[in-house]
Amino acid sequence: MKWTDRIGRRLKLHDLHTLMTVAESGSMGKAAKALGISQSSVSKTISDIEHTIGVRLLDRSAEGAVLTVYGQALVRRGISAFDELRQGFRDIDILSDPTAGEVMIGCPEAIASGLLGAVVARFCVQFPRVVVNVEQANNVTHEYQMLRERKVDLLLGSITRPFVEEDLDAQVLYEDRPYITAGATNRLALRRRVEVAELLEQQWALPGESILRSVLEEALEARL
């Protein structure tokens, strides 16, 4: 069926937004209140969408409304569609005034408090109207999804294996060699040779999902 016959003229963004609001709130009554319209208007909008598409989108009951598998598919794509539109308006804002805007960066706490802090300080002097937000991302390799979901604009951190993500781009900023340090009173401090298994048994001053912990765990598995 042609776009203009089935969707282009009949399914509106407002209708899709209504369905997404019902899915989020769990009932038509709550969705109507959130949207500032009557419950009957919400019910009619959902019925019209279902008639247009030809499948049931919601399972209705006294407890509320739950998405069917068809509704889940439409809402999932709807979220992507609205995200693309928001990104489009953001692109327009940047094109109209490239000296203002917002940047979302994901990185480990150690980089945020060190290297990134110095870079952001210099960046903000040059671009004072750009807001920089930093999200915690302690293991970049495990958090590429943050980029795909556009929760961040870029990730800054260590990559310990070949980069093979075809939908993403990576650039090497610098090569860093990690070192393990221990207090002078630690029983391993005077040892000339330490096994990986012994390191994993220690208490670490780093997050449990950090890239260093992942490397150590992988090294241990390779030795087993």
Protein backbone atom coordinates (compact mmCIF):
# COMPACT_ATOMS: atom_id res chain seq x y z
CA MET A 1 0.00 0.00 0.00
CA LYS A 2 1.29 3.46 -0.93
CA TRP A 3 2.52 5.87 1.74
CA THR A 4 -0.06 8.50 0.81
CA ASP A 5 -2.90 5.98 1.00
CA ARG A 6 -2.11 4.40 4.35
CA ILE A 7 0.06 6.74 6.40
CA GLY A 8 0.97 10.00 4.73
CA ARG A 9 -2.54 11.49 4.85
CA ARG A 10 -4.00 9.59 7.79
CA LEU A 11 -1.41 9.02 10.53
CA LYS A 12 -0.34 12.28 12.12
CA LEU A 13 2.51 12.95 14.51
CA HIS A 14 -0.02 14.20 17.05
CA ASP A 15 -1.82 10.85 16.90
CA LEU A 16 1.44 8.97 17.36
CA HIS A 17 2.32 11.20 20.31
CA THR A 18 -1.04 10.38 21.87
CA LEU A 19 -0.37 6.65 21.57
CA MET A 20 3.08 7.07 23.10
CA THR A 21 1.59 9.03 26.00
CA VAL A 22 -0.98 6.29 26.65
CA ALA A 23 1.80 3.69 26.62
CA GLU A 24 3.88 5.73 29.05
CA SER A 25 1.05 6.57 31.46
CA GLY A 26 -0.64 3.15 31.32
CA SER A 27 -4.19 4.40 30.86
CA MET A 28 -6.22 6.65 28.59
CA GLY A 29 -7.47 8.70 31.53
CA LYS A 30 -3.96 9.55 32.70
CA ALA A 31 -2.87 10.22 29.11
CA ALA A 32 -5.83 12.59 28.60
CA LYS A 33 -4.87 14.50 31.74
CA ALA A 34 -1.24 14.75 30.64
CA LEU A 35 -2.24 15.95 27.17
CA GLY A 36 -4.93 18.33 28.41
CA ILE A 37 -7.72 16.78 26.34
CA SER A 38 -10.75 14.60 27.04
CA GLN A 39 -10.50 10.85 27.48
CA SER A 40 -12.96 10.37 24.64
CA SER A 41 -10.61 12.27 22.33
CA VAL A 42 -7.75 9.98 23.31
CA SER A 43 -9.92 6.91 22.76
CA LYS A 44 -11.02 8.14 19.32
CA THR A 45 -7.43 8.90 18.30
CA ILE A 46 -6.29 5.40 19.23
CA SER A 47 -9.25 3.83 17.43
CA ASP A 48 -8.51 5.89 14.31
CA ILE A 49 -4.87 4.75 14.31
CA GLU A 50 -5.90 1.12 14.73
CA HIS A 51 -8.38 1.46 11.86
CA THR A 52 -5.69 3.06 9.68
CA ILE A 53 -3.08 0.39 10.37
CA GLY A 54 -5.49 -2.52 10.60
CA VAL A 55 -4.28 -4.05 13.90
CA ARG A 56 -5.06 -3.62 17.60
CA LEU A 57 -2.47 -1.46 19.32
CA LEU A 58 -3.75 -1.57 22.90
CA ASP A 59 -5.27 -4.16 25.18
CA ARG A 60 -7.83 -2.27 27.23
CA SER A 61 -9.08 -3.33 30.66
CA ALA A 62 -10.41 -1.85 33.90
CA GLU A 63 -6.81 -1.63 35.15
CA GLY A 64 -5.66 0.44 32.19
CA ALA A 65 -4.19 0.01 28.71
CA VAL A 66 -1.21 -2.11 27.67
CA LEU A 67 0.52 -2.13 24.30
CA THR A 68 0.08 -5.17 22.11
CA VAL A 69 3.07 -6.47 20.15
CA TYR A 70 1.89 -4.27 17.26
CA GLY A 71 1.67 -1.26 19.54
CA GLN A 72 5.14 -1.94 20.90
CA ALA A 73 6.55 -2.03 17.38
CA LEU A 74 4.89 1.27 16.44
CA VAL A 75 5.88 3.05 19.65
CA ARG A 76 9.47 1.83 19.34
CA ARG A 77 9.71 3.31 15.85
CA GLY A 78 7.79 6.37 16.97
CA ILE A 79 10.39 7.10 19.61
CA SER A 80 13.05 6.96 16.90
CA ALA A 81 10.99 9.23 14.64
CA PHE A 82 10.55 11.89 17.32
CA ASP A 83 14.21 11.61 18.23
CA GLU A 84 15.14 12.26 14.59
CA LEU A 85 12.89 15.32 14.55
CA ARG A 86 14.44 16.67 17.74
CA GLN A 87 17.85 16.09 16.22
CA GLY A 88 16.73 17.94 13.11
CA PHE A 89 15.72 21.01 15.12
CA ARG A 90 18.98 20.78 16.99
CA ASP A 91 20.86 20.75 13.68
CA ILE A 92 18.95 23.83 12.60
CA ASP A 93 19.85 25.63 15.82
CA ILE A 94 23.51 24.79 15.31
CA LEU A 95 23.45 25.94 11.69
CA SER A 96 21.75 29.20 12.62
CA ASP A 97 24.22 29.90 15.44
CA PRO A 98 27.24 27.54 15.63
CA THR A 99 28.62 29.41 18.67
CA ALA A 100 25.75 28.24 20.91
CA GLY A 101 24.25 24.89 21.78
CA GLU A 102 24.74 21.86 23.98
CA VAL A 103 27.26 18.99 23.93
CA MET A 104 26.84 15.69 25.78
CA ILE A 105 30.05 13.80 26.59
CA GLY A 106 30.34 10.35 28.15
CA CYS A 107 33.59 9.37 29.87
CA PRO A 108 35.06 7.68 32.95
CA GLU A 109 35.22 9.67 36.18
CA ALA A 110 39.02 9.70 36.09
CA ILE A 111 39.09 11.38 32.67
CA ALA A 112 36.26 13.77 33.60
CA SER A 113 38.20 15.04 36.60
CA GLY A 114 41.50 15.22 34.75
CA LEU A 115 42.01 15.53 31.02
CA LEU A 116 38.43 16.44 30.11
CA GLY A 117 38.22 19.09 32.83
CA ALA A 118 41.19 20.94 31.36
CA VAL A 119 39.85 20.65 27.81
CA VAL A 120 36.35 21.86 28.77
CA ALA A 121 37.82 24.84 30.63
CA ARG A 122 39.64 25.99 27.49
CA PHE A 123 36.65 25.16 25.26
CA CYS A 124 34.24 27.24 27.35
CA VAL A 125 36.53 30.25 27.14
CA GLN A 126 36.40 30.04 23.36
CA PHE A 127 32.70 29.10 23.17
CA PRO A 128 31.03 30.55 26.29
CA ARG A 129 27.50 29.99 24.96
CA VAL A 130 27.91 26.22 24.55
CA VAL A 131 26.72 24.11 27.47
CA VAL A 132 28.83 20.99 28.10
CA ASN A 133 27.25 18.10 30.02
CA VAL A 134 29.23 15.05 31.13
CA GLU A 135 27.67 11.61 31.64
CA GLN A 136 29.41 8.79 33.50
CA ALA A 137 30.66 6.08 31.14
CA ASN A 138 33.26 4.01 32.96
CA ASN A 139 33.56 1.32 30.31
CA VAL A 140 33.41 2.80 26.81
CA THR A 141 33.49 -0.59 25.08
CA HIS A 142 30.28 -1.60 26.87
CA GLU A 143 28.52 1.71 26.40
CA TYR A 144 28.50 2.35 22.64
CA GLN A 145 24.72 2.14 22.94
CA MET A 146 24.81 5.57 24.57
CA LEU A 147 25.92 6.92 21.18
CA ARG A 148 23.35 4.92 19.25
CA GLU A 149 20.55 6.16 21.51
CA ARG A 150 21.97 9.72 21.31
CA LYS A 151 22.29 10.01 25.03
CA VAL A 152 25.74 11.46 24.33
CA ASP A 153 27.36 13.12 21.34
CA LEU A 154 30.73 11.48 21.91
CA LEU A 155 32.46 9.01 24.20
CA LEU A 156 35.93 9.56 25.59
CA GLY A 157 37.79 6.60 27.06
CA SER A 158 39.97 3.56 26.56
CA ILE A 159 39.41 1.00 23.81
CA THR A 160 41.28 -2.22 24.50
CA ARG A 161 40.27 -4.22 21.43
CA PRO A 162 40.01 -3.51 17.66
CA PHE A 163 37.20 -1.09 16.83
CA VAL A 164 34.76 -2.85 14.49
CA GLU A 165 31.57 -0.83 14.99
CA GLU A 166 30.57 0.01 11.39
CA ASP A 167 27.93 2.56 12.38
CA LEU A 168 30.29 4.53 14.63
CA ASP A 169 33.53 6.41 14.09
CA ALA A 170 36.54 6.30 16.42
CA GLN A 171 39.64 8.47 16.51
CA VAL A 172 42.78 7.88 18.56
CA LEU A 173 43.59 10.89 20.74
CA TYR A 174 46.53 9.38 22.56
CA GLU A 175 47.95 6.03 23.64
CA ASP A 176 48.01 5.43 27.36
CA ARG A 177 49.70 2.66 29.32
CA PRO A 178 47.94 1.90 32.62
CA TYR A 179 49.92 1.21 35.79
CA ILE A 180 48.79 -0.51 38.96
CA THR A 181 49.85 1.12 42.23
CA ALA A 182 49.59 -0.13 45.79
CA GLY A 183 50.20 1.35 49.20
CA ALA A 184 53.57 0.79 50.83
CA THR A 185 51.99 -1.46 53.46
CA ASN A 186 50.16 -3.67 50.96
CA ARG A 187 51.43 -7.26 51.04
CA LEU A 188 51.94 -7.22 47.26
CA ALA A 189 54.08 -4.08 47.26
CA LEU A 190 57.31 -5.95 47.99
CA ARG A 191 56.62 -8.81 45.60
CA ARG A 192 58.60 -8.96 42.36
CA ARG A 193 55.99 -11.09 40.64
CA VAL A 194 52.22 -10.89 41.08
CA GLU A 195 49.68 -13.19 39.45
CA VAL A 196 46.52 -11.81 37.84
CA ALA A 197 44.35 -13.87 40.17
CA GLU A 198 45.95 -12.13 43.15
CA LEU A 199 45.17 -8.73 41.70
CA LEU A 200 41.50 -9.58 41.27
CA GLU A 201 41.27 -10.47 44.95
CA GLN A 202 42.34 -6.99 46.01
CA GLN A 203 40.14 -4.03 46.83
CA TRP A 204 40.27 -1.56 43.96
CA ALA A 205 39.82 2.19 43.97
CA LEU A 206 37.83 2.08 40.74
CA PRO A 207 34.19 1.42 39.68
CA GLY A 208 33.13 -2.19 39.24
CA GLU A 209 32.34 -1.64 35.52
CA SER A 210 35.59 0.15 34.70
CA ILE A 211 37.65 -0.73 31.65
CA LEU A 212 40.63 -1.77 33.82
CA ARG A 213 38.55 -4.28 35.74
CA SER A 214 37.27 -5.71 32.44
CA VAL A 215 40.84 -6.10 31.16
CA LEU A 216 41.90 -7.86 34.34
CA GLU A 217 38.92 -10.21 34.25
CA GLU A 218 39.58 -11.04 30.60
CA ALA A 219 43.24 -11.68 31.37
CA LEU A 220 42.30 -14.03 34.18
CA GLU A 221 39.88 -15.94 31.96
CA ALA A 222 42.61 -16.31 29.36
CA ARG A 223 44.90 -17.86 31.99
CA LEU A 224 42.33 -20.40 33.16
